[in-house]
Amino acid sequence: MDTTTLAALSGNIATVGYGLAAIGPGIGVGIVVGKAIEGISRQPELQGRLQTQMFIGIAFTEALALIGIATGFIFR
């Protein structure tokens, strides 16, 4: 293989790698939101506390996706 083919191949692999890395945070956010909705439906009086904790959980989960983006730029 020549160098242009290798460069194109590594770029495609990086794109696929980030796509696979985004699956984890997507699943994590789905679980966090689902459990928060389940908790709110069981005890509606705790909606404020559960909603706050849900947003904190989403922020930590989405940090993984941002780390994946940053890693792609660092190792370029």
PDB file of N, CA and C in Angstrom:
ATOM      1  N   MET A   1       0.840  -1.187   0.000  1.00  0.00           N
ATOM      2  CA  MET A   1       0.000   0.000   0.000  1.00  0.00           C
ATOM      3  C   MET A   1       0.881   1.246   0.000  1.00  0.00           C
ATOM      4  N   ASP A   2       0.460   2.246  -0.733  1.00  0.00           N
ATOM      5  CA  ASP A   2       1.218   3.481  -0.712  1.00  0.00           C
ATOM      6  C   ASP A   2       0.744   4.379   0.437  1.00  0.00           C
ATOM      7  N   THR A   3       1.417   5.483   0.644  1.00  0.00           N
ATOM      8  CA  THR A   3       1.137   6.333   1.809  1.00  0.00           C
ATOM      9  C   THR A   3      -0.221   7.034   1.715  1.00  0.00           C
ATOM     10  N   THR A   4      -0.684   7.341   0.507  1.00  0.00           N
ATOM     11  CA  THR A   4      -1.990   8.011   0.403  1.00  0.00           C
ATOM     12  C   THR A   4      -3.112   7.061   0.809  1.00  0.00           C
ATOM     13  N   THR A   5      -2.970   5.794   0.464  1.00  0.00           N
ATOM     14  CA  THR A   5      -3.983   4.815   0.865  1.00  0.00           C
ATOM     15  C   THR A   5      -3.982   4.639   2.374  1.00  0.00           C
ATOM     16  N   LEU A   6      -2.792   4.612   2.979  1.00  0.00           N
ATOM     17  CA  LEU A   6      -2.708   4.477   4.433  1.00  0.00           C
ATOM     18  C   LEU A   6      -3.284   5.689   5.145  1.00  0.00           C
ATOM     19  N   ALA A   7      -3.058   6.885   4.604  1.00  0.00           N
ATOM     20  CA  ALA A   7      -3.596   8.093   5.226  1.00  0.00           C
ATOM     21  C   ALA A   7      -5.116   8.098   5.158  1.00  0.00           C
ATOM     22  N   ALA A   8      -5.658   7.689   4.030  1.00  0.00           N
ATOM     23  CA  ALA A   8      -7.114   7.637   3.891  1.00  0.00           C
ATOM     24  C   ALA A   8      -7.699   6.556   4.799  1.00  0.00           C
ATOM     25  N   LEU A   9      -7.002   5.458   4.922  1.00  0.00           N
ATOM     26  CA  LEU A   9      -7.471   4.372   5.766  1.00  0.00           C
ATOM     27  C   LEU A   9      -7.476   4.785   7.233  1.00  0.00           C
ATOM     28  N   SER A  10      -6.444   5.472   7.682  1.00  0.00           N
ATOM     29  CA  SER A  10      -6.397   5.890   9.092  1.00  0.00           C
ATOM     30  C   SER A  10      -7.473   6.927   9.390  1.00  0.00           C
ATOM     31  N   GLY A  11      -7.780   7.796   8.445  1.00  0.00           N
ATOM     32  CA  GLY A  11      -8.838   8.776   8.650  1.00  0.00           C
ATOM     33  C   GLY A  11     -10.192   8.109   8.783  1.00  0.00           C
ATOM     34  N   ASN A  12     -10.437   7.106   7.953  1.00  0.00           N
ATOM     35  CA  ASN A  12     -11.706   6.390   8.027  1.00  0.00           C
ATOM     36  C   ASN A  12     -11.816   5.595   9.320  1.00  0.00           C
ATOM     37  N   ILE A  13     -10.732   5.007   9.741  1.00  0.00           N
ATOM     38  CA  ILE A  13     -10.748   4.246  10.984  1.00  0.00           C
ATOM     39  C   ILE A  13     -10.993   5.178  12.175  1.00  0.00           C
ATOM     40  N   ALA A  14     -10.422   6.363  12.132  1.00  0.00           N
ATOM     41  CA  ALA A  14     -10.644   7.318  13.218  1.00  0.00           C
ATOM     42  C   ALA A  14     -12.111   7.735  13.282  1.00  0.00           C
ATOM     43  N   THR A  15     -12.732   7.931  12.143  1.00  0.00           N
ATOM     44  CA  THR A  15     -14.146   8.301  12.118  1.00  0.00           C
ATOM     45  C   THR A  15     -15.016   7.181  12.667  1.00  0.00           C
ATOM     46  N   VAL A  16     -14.730   5.973  12.270  1.00  0.00           N
ATOM     47  CA  VAL A  16     -15.483   4.827  12.775  1.00  0.00           C
ATOM     48  C   VAL A  16     -15.237   4.658  14.272  1.00  0.00           C
ATOM     49  N   GLY A  17     -13.999   4.883  14.688  1.00  0.00           N
ATOM     50  CA  GLY A  17     -13.669   4.771  16.112  1.00  0.00           C
ATOM     51  C   GLY A  17     -14.433   5.765  16.956  1.00  0.00           C
ATOM     52  N   TYR A  18     -14.549   7.005  16.487  1.00  0.00           N
ATOM     53  CA  TYR A  18     -15.315   7.976  17.261  1.00  0.00           C
ATOM     54  C   TYR A  18     -16.796   7.620  17.270  1.00  0.00           C
ATOM     55  N   GLY A  19     -17.284   7.114  16.160  1.00  0.00           N
ATOM     56  CA  GLY A  19     -18.682   6.687  16.113  1.00  0.00           C
ATOM     57  C   GLY A  19     -18.962   5.593  17.128  1.00  0.00           C
ATOM     58  N   LEU A  20     -18.052   4.643  17.229  1.00  0.00           N
ATOM     59  CA  LEU A  20     -18.207   3.587  18.222  1.00  0.00           C
ATOM     60  C   LEU A  20     -18.063   4.128  19.640  1.00  0.00           C
ATOM     61  N   ALA A  21     -17.180   5.113  19.817  1.00  0.00           N
ATOM     62  CA  ALA A  21     -16.995   5.702  21.142  1.00  0.00           C
ATOM     63  C   ALA A  21     -18.213   6.516  21.576  1.00  0.00           C
ATOM     64  N   ALA A  22     -18.988   7.012  20.637  1.00  0.00           N
ATOM     65  CA  ALA A  22     -20.181   7.801  20.969  1.00  0.00           C
ATOM     66  C   ALA A  22     -21.347   6.923  21.390  1.00  0.00           C
ATOM     67  N   ILE A  23     -21.264   5.627  21.112  1.00  0.00           N
ATOM     68  CA  ILE A  23     -22.344   4.725  21.498  1.00  0.00           C
ATOM     69  C   ILE A  23     -22.452   4.636  23.018  1.00  0.00           C
ATOM     70  N   GLY A  24     -21.319   4.568  23.693  1.00  0.00           N
ATOM     71  CA  GLY A  24     -21.311   4.440  25.155  1.00  0.00           C
ATOM     72  C   GLY A  24     -22.021   5.580  25.862  1.00  0.00           C
ATOM     73  N   PRO A  25     -21.638   6.837  25.583  1.00  0.00           N
ATOM     74  CA  PRO A  25     -22.354   7.946  26.217  1.00  0.00           C
ATOM     75  C   PRO A  25     -23.829   7.999  25.836  1.00  0.00           C
ATOM     76  N   GLY A  26     -24.164   7.610  24.615  1.00  0.00           N
ATOM     77  CA  GLY A  26     -25.571   7.596  24.211  1.00  0.00           C
ATOM     78  C   GLY A  26     -26.380   6.615  25.043  1.00  0.00           C
ATOM     79  N   ILE A  27     -25.826   5.442  25.247  1.00  0.00           N
ATOM     80  CA  ILE A  27     -26.498   4.442  26.090  1.00  0.00           C
ATOM     81  C   ILE A  27     -26.564   4.927  27.529  1.00  0.00           C
ATOM     82  N   GLY A  28     -25.466   5.541  27.999  1.00  0.00           N
ATOM     83  CA  GLY A  28     -25.428   6.036  29.375  1.00  0.00           C
ATOM     84  C   GLY A  28     -26.470   7.108  29.646  1.00  0.00           C
ATOM     85  N   VAL A  29     -26.616   8.041  28.716  1.00  0.00           N
ATOM     86  CA  VAL A  29     -27.620   9.101  28.886  1.00  0.00           C
ATOM     87  C   VAL A  29     -29.017   8.496  28.881  1.00  0.00           C
ATOM     88  N   GLY A  30     -29.246   7.523  28.025  1.00  0.00           N
ATOM     89  CA  GLY A  30     -30.554   6.866  27.997  1.00  0.00           C
ATOM     90  C   GLY A  30     -30.885   6.192  29.315  1.00  0.00           C
ATOM     91  N   ILE A  31     -29.912   5.533  29.903  1.00  0.00           N
ATOM     92  CA  ILE A  31     -30.129   4.866  31.184  1.00  0.00           C
ATOM     93  C   ILE A  31     -30.382   5.886  32.291  1.00  0.00           C
ATOM     94  N   VAL A  32     -29.574   6.955  32.326  1.00  0.00           N
ATOM     95  CA  VAL A  32     -29.734   7.978  33.369  1.00  0.00           C
ATOM     96  C   VAL A  32     -31.111   8.621  33.292  1.00  0.00           C
ATOM     97  N   VAL A  33     -31.524   9.017  32.104  1.00  0.00           N
ATOM     98  CA  VAL A  33     -32.826   9.673  31.952  1.00  0.00           C
ATOM     99  C   VAL A  33     -33.957   8.701  32.261  1.00  0.00           C
ATOM    100  N   GLY A  34     -33.832   7.464  31.807  1.00  0.00           N
ATOM    101  CA  GLY A  34     -34.867   6.473  32.081  1.00  0.00           C
ATOM    102  C   GLY A  34     -35.047   6.216  33.565  1.00  0.00           C
ATOM    103  N   LYS A  35     -33.948   6.098  34.282  1.00  0.00           N
ATOM    104  CA  LYS A  35     -34.039   5.854  35.726  1.00  0.00           C
ATOM    105  C   LYS A  35     -34.577   7.082  36.455  1.00  0.00           C
ATOM    106  N   ALA A  36     -34.234   8.276  35.985  1.00  0.00           N
ATOM    107  CA  ALA A  36     -34.766   9.490  36.609  1.00  0.00           C
ATOM    108  C   ALA A  36     -36.281   9.572  36.406  1.00  0.00           C
ATOM    109  N   ILE A  37     -36.745   9.273  35.216  1.00  0.00           N
ATOM    110  CA  ILE A  37     -38.191   9.289  34.957  1.00  0.00           C
ATOM    111  C   ILE A  37     -38.890   8.237  35.807  1.00  0.00           C
ATOM    112  N   GLU A  38     -38.272   7.080  35.930  1.00  0.00           N
ATOM    113  CA  GLU A  38     -38.850   6.029  36.765  1.00  0.00           C
ATOM    114  C   GLU A  38     -38.930   6.480  38.231  1.00  0.00           C
ATOM    115  N   GLY A  39     -37.877   7.125  38.721  1.00  0.00           N
ATOM    116  CA  GLY A  39     -37.882   7.609  40.100  1.00  0.00           C
ATOM    117  C   GLY A  39     -38.904   8.710  40.327  1.00  0.00           C
ATOM    118  N   ILE A  40     -39.037   9.609  39.347  1.00  0.00           N
ATOM    119  CA  ILE A  40     -40.016  10.697  39.469  1.00  0.00           C
ATOM    120  C   ILE A  40     -41.436  10.142  39.445  1.00  0.00           C
ATOM    121  N   SER A  41     -41.659   9.110  38.629  1.00  0.00           N
ATOM    122  CA  SER A  41     -43.010   8.548  38.582  1.00  0.00           C
ATOM    123  C   SER A  41     -43.350   7.806  39.872  1.00  0.00           C
ATOM    124  N   ARG A  42     -42.359   7.289  40.559  1.00  0.00           N
ATOM    125  CA  ARG A  42     -42.613   6.596  41.821  1.00  0.00           C
ATOM    126  C   ARG A  42     -42.798   7.575  42.986  1.00  0.00           C
ATOM    127  N   GLN A  43     -42.007   8.662  42.969  1.00  0.00           N
ATOM    128  CA  GLN A  43     -42.100   9.655  44.038  1.00  0.00           C
ATOM    129  C   GLN A  43     -42.057  11.058  43.428  1.00  0.00           C
ATOM    130  N   PRO A  44     -43.208  11.568  43.007  1.00  0.00           N
ATOM    131  CA  PRO A  44     -43.243  12.871  42.324  1.00  0.00           C
ATOM    132  C   PRO A  44     -42.745  14.030  43.184  1.00  0.00           C
ATOM    133  N   GLU A  45     -42.814  13.890  44.506  1.00  0.00           N
ATOM    134  CA  GLU A  45     -42.367  14.990  45.369  1.00  0.00           C
ATOM    135  C   GLU A  45     -40.848  15.186  45.325  1.00  0.00           C
ATOM    136  N   LEU A  46     -40.104  14.229  44.808  1.00  0.00           N
ATOM    137  CA  LEU A  46     -38.648  14.344  44.702  1.00  0.00           C
ATOM    138  C   LEU A  46     -38.194  14.785  43.314  1.00  0.00           C
ATOM    139  N   GLN A  47     -39.107  15.321  42.526  1.00  0.00           N
ATOM    140  CA  GLN A  47     -38.785  15.679  41.154  1.00  0.00           C
ATOM    141  C   GLN A  47     -37.599  16.638  41.060  1.00  0.00           C
ATOM    142  N   GLY A  48     -37.564  17.664  41.896  1.00  0.00           N
ATOM    143  CA  GLY A  48     -36.486  18.652  41.835  1.00  0.00           C
ATOM    144  C   GLY A  48     -35.122  18.035  42.080  1.00  0.00           C
ATOM    145  N   ARG A  49     -35.022  17.219  43.123  1.00  0.00           N
ATOM    146  CA  ARG A  49     -33.734  16.588  43.447  1.00  0.00           C
ATOM    147  C   ARG A  49     -33.319  15.584  42.381  1.00  0.00           C
ATOM    148  N   LEU A  50     -34.285  14.781  41.924  1.00  0.00           N
ATOM    149  CA  LEU A  50     -33.950  13.783  40.913  1.00  0.00           C
ATOM    150  C   LEU A  50     -33.570  14.421  39.585  1.00  0.00           C
ATOM    151  N   GLN A  51     -34.245  15.503  39.242  1.00  0.00           N
ATOM    152  CA  GLN A  51     -33.940  16.178  37.988  1.00  0.00           C
ATOM    153  C   GLN A  51     -32.540  16.792  38.025  1.00  0.00           C
ATOM    154  N   THR A  52     -32.177  17.365  39.166  1.00  0.00           N
ATOM    155  CA  THR A  52     -30.840  17.930  39.316  1.00  0.00           C
ATOM    156  C   THR A  52     -29.778  16.844  39.195  1.00  0.00           C
ATOM    157  N   GLN A  53     -29.996  15.734  39.869  1.00  0.00           N
ATOM    158  CA  GLN A  53     -29.037  14.638  39.797  1.00  0.00           C
ATOM    159  C   GLN A  53     -28.983  14.042  38.391  1.00  0.00           C
ATOM    160  N   MET A  54     -30.106  14.041  37.692  1.00  0.00           N
ATOM    161  CA  MET A  54     -30.131  13.546  36.319  1.00  0.00           C
ATOM    162  C   MET A  54     -29.242  14.409  35.433  1.00  0.00           C
ATOM    163  N   PHE A  55     -29.367  15.734  35.563  1.00  0.00           N
ATOM    164  CA  PHE A  55     -28.553  16.622  34.732  1.00  0.00           C
ATOM    165  C   PHE A  55     -27.071  16.485  35.053  1.00  0.00           C
ATOM    166  N   ILE A  56     -26.725  16.283  36.312  1.00  0.00           N
ATOM    167  CA  ILE A  56     -25.325  16.063  36.680  1.00  0.00           C
ATOM    168  C   ILE A  56     -24.825  14.759  36.058  1.00  0.00           C
ATOM    169  N   GLY A  57     -25.632  13.705  36.114  1.00  0.00           N
ATOM    170  CA  GLY A  57     -25.259  12.436  35.501  1.00  0.00           C
ATOM    171  C   GLY A  57     -25.091  12.545  33.998  1.00  0.00           C
ATOM    172  N   ILE A  58     -25.970  13.305  33.358  1.00  0.00           N
ATOM    173  CA  ILE A  58     -25.849  13.516  31.912  1.00  0.00           C
ATOM    174  C   ILE A  58     -24.562  14.266  31.597  1.00  0.00           C
ATOM    175  N   ALA A  59     -24.234  15.268  32.396  1.00  0.00           N
ATOM    176  CA  ALA A  59     -23.008  16.044  32.157  1.00  0.00           C
ATOM    177  C   ALA A  59     -21.771  15.157  32.258  1.00  0.00           C
ATOM    178  N   PHE A  60     -21.709  14.296  33.277  1.00  0.00           N
ATOM    179  CA  PHE A  60     -20.561  13.406  33.413  1.00  0.00           C
ATOM    180  C   PHE A  60     -20.504  12.396  32.269  1.00  0.00           C
ATOM    181  N   THR A  61     -21.651  11.914  31.848  1.00  0.00           N
ATOM    182  CA  THR A  61     -21.681  10.945  30.761  1.00  0.00           C
ATOM    183  C   THR A  61     -21.263  11.590  29.441  1.00  0.00           C
ATOM    184  N   GLU A  62     -21.720  12.795  29.184  1.00  0.00           N
ATOM    185  CA  GLU A  62     -21.355  13.490  27.955  1.00  0.00           C
ATOM    186  C   GLU A  62     -19.895  13.919  27.959  1.00  0.00           C
ATOM    187  N   ALA A  63     -19.290  14.029  29.136  1.00  0.00           N
ATOM    188  CA  ALA A  63     -17.858  14.353  29.197  1.00  0.00           C
ATOM    189  C   ALA A  63     -17.042  13.272  28.495  1.00  0.00           C
ATOM    190  N   LEU A  64     -17.520  12.033  28.523  1.00  0.00           N
ATOM    191  CA  LEU A  64     -16.821  10.954  27.829  1.00  0.00           C
ATOM    192  C   LEU A  64     -16.787  11.202  26.323  1.00  0.00           C
ATOM    193  N   ALA A  65     -17.889  11.683  25.770  1.00  0.00           N
ATOM    194  CA  ALA A  65     -17.925  11.972  24.336  1.00  0.00           C
ATOM    195  C   ALA A  65     -16.978  13.121  23.997  1.00  0.00           C
ATOM    196  N   LEU A  66     -16.924  14.121  24.836  1.00  0.00           N
ATOM    197  CA  LEU A  66     -16.009  15.244  24.596  1.00  0.00           C
ATOM    198  C   LEU A  66     -14.553  14.805  24.695  1.00  0.00           C
ATOM    199  N   ILE A  67     -14.261  13.891  25.604  1.00  0.00           N
ATOM    200  CA  ILE A  67     -12.903  13.360  25.693  1.00  0.00           C
ATOM    201  C   ILE A  67     -12.559  12.605  24.416  1.00  0.00           C
ATOM    202  N   GLY A  68     -13.536  11.876  23.853  1.00  0.00           N
ATOM    203  CA  GLY A  68     -13.312  11.180  22.590  1.00  0.00           C
ATOM    204  C   GLY A  68     -13.007  12.138  21.451  1.00  0.00           C
ATOM    205  N   ILE A  69     -13.704  13.260  21.395  1.00  0.00           N
ATOM    206  CA  ILE A  69     -13.430  14.263  20.360  1.00  0.00           C
ATOM    207  C   ILE A  69     -12.037  14.847  20.550  1.00  0.00           C
ATOM    208  N   ALA A  70     -11.695  15.208  21.783  1.00  0.00           N
ATOM    209  CA  ALA A  70     -10.382  15.790  22.059  1.00  0.00           C
ATOM    210  C   ALA A  70      -9.267  14.810  21.736  1.00  0.00           C
ATOM    211  N   THR A  71      -9.478  13.537  22.043  1.00  0.00           N
ATOM    212  CA  THR A  71      -8.472  12.532  21.755  1.00  0.00           C
ATOM    213  C   THR A  71      -8.241  12.415  20.257  1.00  0.00           C
ATOM    214  N   GLY A  72      -9.296  12.521  19.489  1.00  0.00           N
ATOM    215  CA  GLY A  72      -9.154  12.485  18.032  1.00  0.00           C
ATOM    216  C   GLY A  72      -8.295  13.632  17.501  1.00  0.00           C
ATOM    217  N   PHE A  73      -8.415  14.807  18.099  1.00  0.00           N
ATOM    218  CA  PHE A  73      -7.590  15.939  17.669  1.00  0.00           C
ATOM    219  C   PHE A  73      -6.155  15.834  18.189  1.00  0.00           C
ATOM    220  N   ILE A  74      -5.984  15.290  19.364  1.00  0.00           N
ATOM    221  CA  ILE A  74      -4.640  15.180  19.957  1.00  0.00           C
ATOM    222  C   ILE A  74      -3.772  14.202  19.167  1.00  0.00           C
ATOM    223  N   PHE A  75      -4.326  13.061  18.833  1.00  0.00           N
ATOM    224  CA  PHE A  75      -3.542  12.011  18.189  1.00  0.00           C
ATOM    225  C   PHE A  75      -3.594  12.074  16.665  1.00  0.00           C
ATOM    226  N   ARG A  76      -3.949  13.199  16.133  1.00  0.00           N
ATOM    227  CA  ARG A  76      -4.031  13.390  14.697  1.00  0.00           C
ATOM    228  C   ARG A  76      -2.698  13.507  14.065  1.00  0.00           C
TER     229      ARG A  76
END
